[in-house]
Amino acid sequence: MPGKTSNRNHRNHRNNPYVLDDLAFRVHRSAAGVIWRMRTELATLTTVTAGFAALIHVIAIIGAAIILATSTALIMAVPQSRRFVIRRAWCVLSRHRMQRVFFETRMHTRSGRLSLVLRIHPTEVGERALIWCRAGICFEDFEAHTGEIAAACYAREARVERSKRWAQIVVVHIVRRDTLAAHNVIPSGLAPQLPAPAPDDEHITA
C-alpha cells in the first residue's frame, strides 16, 4: 500500500514549476533594504563610535579606551545586563539566519525579493519574529520549512503561526530552551536500595 502523501509537499521548492527562473535569479539588494536589515548593527556601531569620539575630546584616547573596556566588562558582569545583551544578540543572529533561509530555500519572489522581518524580540524560550510576506509567499511556505529555519537559527525547533487578521503576516517562534524541563534532578530517598553484588567464587577463601 503506497504511503500517504503530505498535503504540504506542493509548497516545497523542489516542486518549483519555474526551474528556468533560477538561472536568471538575482536577489534585489537596495540601499534602503541593506540599512533596514543591518539597522541594529549600524545603530550600535554609531552609538559606540559617537560615545568614543566624545570621550576623546574630554580625555585622552587611552582613558577613553579604558572607560569603554570597563563599561563593556561591567555590562557583561551584571547578570541582568548580560542576559539582555545576549538575548538581543540572538535576535540579531536569528534575523540574519532567517533571511539566509529565505534565499537558500527559494522562499522569495520570482523577481528575487525576500520577505521582511518587521520585528524580532526575545521570549522566555527563544525569539519571536514578525514576518511580512512578499507577493507570492504565504504561510504554507514557512510551514513547509520549519526544519530549515530551526537548523539555521541553531534552535531546538521553529513554530509558525498565521496572523488572525492579515494573511501576509506570519509569526515565527524560535524555540531554544524548554522552561518546563527540570534543571536539577534530585534523587528520591525512598527508592529501594539494591543488594550488594555477591563476591566472585575465586575471591572466596576456604
Protein backbone atom coordinates (compact mmCIF):
# COMPACT_ATOMS: atom_id res chain seq x y z
CA MET A 1 0.00 0.00 0.00
CA PRO A 2 1.60 3.29 -1.02
CA GLY A 3 2.37 5.80 1.71
CA LYS A 4 0.18 8.79 2.25
CA THR A 5 1.43 11.95 0.62
CA SER A 6 1.68 15.04 2.81
CA ASN A 7 -0.52 17.96 1.80
CA ARG A 8 2.41 20.34 2.35
CA ASN A 9 4.67 18.92 -0.33
CA HIS A 10 3.21 21.17 -3.02
CA ARG A 11 4.84 24.15 -1.28
CA ASN A 12 8.30 22.56 -1.38
CA HIS A 13 10.81 24.35 -3.60
CA ARG A 14 11.78 21.02 -5.20
CA ASN A 15 8.40 21.10 -6.95
CA ASN A 16 9.02 24.58 -8.31
CA PRO A 17 7.48 24.76 -11.81
CA TYR A 18 9.71 27.76 -12.69
CA VAL A 19 13.02 25.93 -12.74
CA LEU A 20 14.50 28.08 -15.52
CA ASP A 21 13.91 31.23 -13.46
CA ASP A 22 16.75 30.16 -11.14
CA LEU A 23 19.25 30.68 -13.98
CA ALA A 24 18.45 34.38 -14.14
CA PHE A 25 17.78 34.90 -10.44
CA ARG A 26 19.41 37.89 -8.81
CA VAL A 27 18.49 38.91 -5.31
CA HIS A 28 17.38 42.54 -5.09
CA ARG A 29 19.56 44.49 -2.65
CA SER A 30 18.69 48.14 -2.41
CA ALA A 31 20.48 50.57 -0.11
CA ALA A 32 17.33 51.01 1.98
CA GLY A 33 16.95 47.25 2.30
CA VAL A 34 20.54 46.76 3.44
CA ILE A 35 20.18 49.56 6.01
CA TRP A 36 16.95 48.01 7.28
CA ARG A 37 18.48 44.55 7.64
CA MET A 38 21.61 45.93 9.35
CA ARG A 39 19.78 48.51 11.47
CA THR A 40 20.79 47.01 14.83
CA GLU A 41 24.47 46.73 13.93
CA LEU A 42 24.54 50.23 12.42
CA ALA A 43 22.80 51.76 15.45
CA THR A 44 25.19 50.02 17.85
CA LEU A 45 28.26 50.99 15.84
CA THR A 46 27.09 54.60 15.54
CA THR A 47 26.38 54.88 19.28
CA VAL A 48 29.71 53.36 20.32
CA THR A 49 31.67 55.48 17.82
CA ALA A 50 29.93 58.69 18.84
CA GLY A 51 30.48 57.97 22.53
CA PHE A 52 34.12 57.11 21.99
CA ALA A 53 34.67 60.28 19.94
CA ALA A 54 33.03 62.39 22.66
CA LEU A 55 35.29 60.84 25.30
CA ILE A 56 38.39 61.57 23.21
CA HIS A 57 37.53 65.28 23.21
CA VAL A 58 37.25 65.24 27.00
CA ILE A 59 40.10 62.91 27.96
CA ALA A 60 42.97 61.21 26.19
CA ILE A 61 42.42 58.32 23.81
CA ILE A 62 43.92 55.85 26.32
CA GLY A 63 41.49 56.99 29.01
CA ALA A 64 38.58 56.70 26.59
CA ALA A 65 39.64 53.16 25.69
CA ILE A 66 39.87 52.23 29.38
CA ILE A 67 36.40 53.62 30.08
CA LEU A 68 34.95 51.78 27.09
CA ALA A 69 36.57 48.49 28.11
CA THR A 70 35.48 48.90 31.73
CA SER A 71 31.91 49.66 30.72
CA THR A 72 31.79 46.60 28.48
CA ALA A 73 33.18 44.37 31.24
CA LEU A 74 30.68 45.79 33.73
CA ILE A 75 27.76 45.16 31.38
CA MET A 76 28.81 41.55 30.88
CA ALA A 77 29.45 41.04 34.61
CA VAL A 78 25.96 42.07 35.78
CA PRO A 79 23.53 39.15 35.18
CA GLN A 80 20.58 41.34 34.13
CA SER A 81 22.50 43.39 31.57
CA ARG A 82 24.41 40.35 30.33
CA ARG A 83 21.15 38.47 29.78
CA PHE A 84 19.71 41.47 27.92
CA VAL A 85 22.73 41.75 25.61
CA ILE A 86 22.89 38.01 24.89
CA ARG A 87 19.20 37.76 24.09
CA ARG A 88 19.38 40.76 21.78
CA ALA A 89 22.40 39.25 20.07
CA TRP A 90 20.43 36.05 19.45
CA CYS A 91 17.65 38.17 17.92
CA VAL A 92 20.09 39.79 15.50
CA LEU A 93 21.61 36.42 14.60
CA SER A 94 18.20 34.82 14.07
CA ARG A 95 17.09 37.67 11.81
CA HIS A 96 20.10 37.25 9.53
CA ARG A 97 19.84 33.46 9.56
CA MET A 98 16.17 33.56 8.61
CA GLN A 99 16.93 35.90 5.74
CA ARG A 100 19.53 33.40 4.58
CA VAL A 101 16.95 30.61 4.79
CA PHE A 102 14.59 32.67 2.64
CA PHE A 103 17.26 32.78 -0.04
CA GLU A 104 18.56 29.20 0.18
CA THR A 105 15.12 27.55 0.26
CA ARG A 106 13.79 29.79 -2.52
CA MET A 107 11.24 31.42 -0.22
CA HIS A 108 11.40 34.54 -2.34
CA THR A 109 9.51 36.01 -5.25
CA ARG A 110 10.39 35.30 -8.87
CA SER A 111 11.88 38.78 -9.04
CA GLY A 112 14.24 37.95 -6.16
CA ARG A 113 12.64 39.82 -3.28
CA LEU A 114 12.86 38.36 0.23
CA SER A 115 10.22 38.60 2.92
CA LEU A 116 10.75 41.32 5.51
CA VAL A 117 11.50 40.64 9.18
CA LEU A 118 9.49 43.53 10.60
CA ARG A 119 10.29 42.85 14.22
CA ILE A 120 12.05 40.23 16.33
CA HIS A 121 12.25 40.21 20.11
CA PRO A 122 13.31 37.73 22.82
CA THR A 123 10.84 35.49 24.63
CA GLU A 124 11.09 33.09 27.54
CA VAL A 125 12.00 30.21 25.22
CA GLY A 126 13.85 31.98 22.40
CA GLU A 127 12.75 34.61 19.91
CA ARG A 128 9.54 35.71 18.20
CA ALA A 129 9.75 37.16 14.70
CA LEU A 130 7.08 39.05 12.79
CA ILE A 131 7.41 38.42 9.04
CA TRP A 132 5.83 40.39 6.18
CA CYS A 133 5.39 38.04 3.22
CA ARG A 134 6.03 39.36 -0.25
CA ALA A 135 3.54 38.73 -3.04
CA GLY A 136 3.97 35.07 -3.97
CA ILE A 137 4.93 33.93 -0.44
CA CYS A 138 2.41 32.63 2.08
CA PHE A 139 2.07 30.93 5.45
CA GLU A 140 2.31 27.45 3.90
CA ASP A 141 5.82 28.22 2.63
CA PHE A 142 7.01 28.87 6.17
CA GLU A 143 5.14 25.82 7.47
CA ALA A 144 6.93 23.61 4.96
CA HIS A 145 10.38 24.89 6.01
CA THR A 146 10.22 24.95 9.81
CA GLY A 147 13.03 22.38 9.97
CA GLU A 148 15.34 24.53 7.86
CA ILE A 149 14.54 27.62 9.96
CA ALA A 150 15.28 25.81 13.22
CA ALA A 151 18.56 24.40 11.91
CA ALA A 152 19.68 27.75 10.53
CA CYS A 153 18.94 29.54 13.82
CA TYR A 154 20.69 26.85 15.92
CA ALA A 155 17.44 26.19 17.79
CA ARG A 156 15.52 23.18 19.06
CA GLU A 157 12.58 23.82 16.78
CA ALA A 158 10.70 26.51 14.93
CA ARG A 159 6.97 27.06 15.03
CA VAL A 160 4.94 29.23 12.69
CA GLU A 161 1.67 30.96 13.40
CA ARG A 162 -0.76 32.53 10.96
CA SER A 163 -1.96 36.04 11.66
CA LYS A 164 -5.64 36.13 12.59
CA ARG A 165 -6.15 39.43 10.77
CA TRP A 166 -3.75 39.66 7.82
CA ALA A 167 -2.77 36.78 5.56
CA GLN A 168 0.57 38.39 4.64
CA ILE A 169 1.76 38.39 8.28
CA VAL A 170 3.45 35.27 9.65
CA VAL A 171 4.78 34.84 13.19
CA VAL A 172 7.82 32.58 13.62
CA HIS A 173 8.65 31.26 17.09
CA ILE A 174 12.27 30.19 17.58
CA VAL A 175 12.44 27.70 20.47
CA ARG A 176 15.88 27.37 22.09
CA ARG A 177 15.11 26.12 25.59
CA ASP A 178 12.40 24.29 27.46
CA THR A 179 11.39 26.30 30.51
CA LEU A 180 9.39 23.38 31.91
CA ALA A 181 12.32 20.97 31.90
CA ALA A 182 13.91 20.09 35.23
CA HIS A 183 17.27 21.77 35.76
CA ASN A 184 18.34 19.83 38.85
CA VAL A 185 17.17 16.25 39.30
CA ILE A 186 17.04 15.31 42.99
CA PRO A 187 17.11 11.54 43.59
CA SER A 188 14.41 10.20 45.86
CA GLY A 189 15.45 8.83 49.24
CA LEU A 190 12.55 6.38 49.14
CA ALA A 191 13.97 4.43 46.21
CA PRO A 192 14.72 0.80 47.15
CA GLN A 193 18.36 0.05 47.72
CA LEU A 194 19.76 -2.65 45.50
CA PRO A 195 21.53 -5.52 47.30
CA ALA A 196 25.28 -5.52 47.18
CA PRO A 197 26.70 -7.80 44.46
CA ALA A 198 27.86 -11.18 45.64
CA PRO A 199 31.63 -11.73 45.59
CA ASP A 200 33.10 -13.85 42.83
CA ASP A 201 33.89 -17.51 43.53
CA GLU A 202 37.62 -17.03 43.05
CA HIS A 203 37.69 -14.42 45.80
CA ILE A 204 36.00 -16.72 48.32
CA THR A 205 38.57 -18.28 50.64
CA ALA A 206 38.11 -21.70 52.12
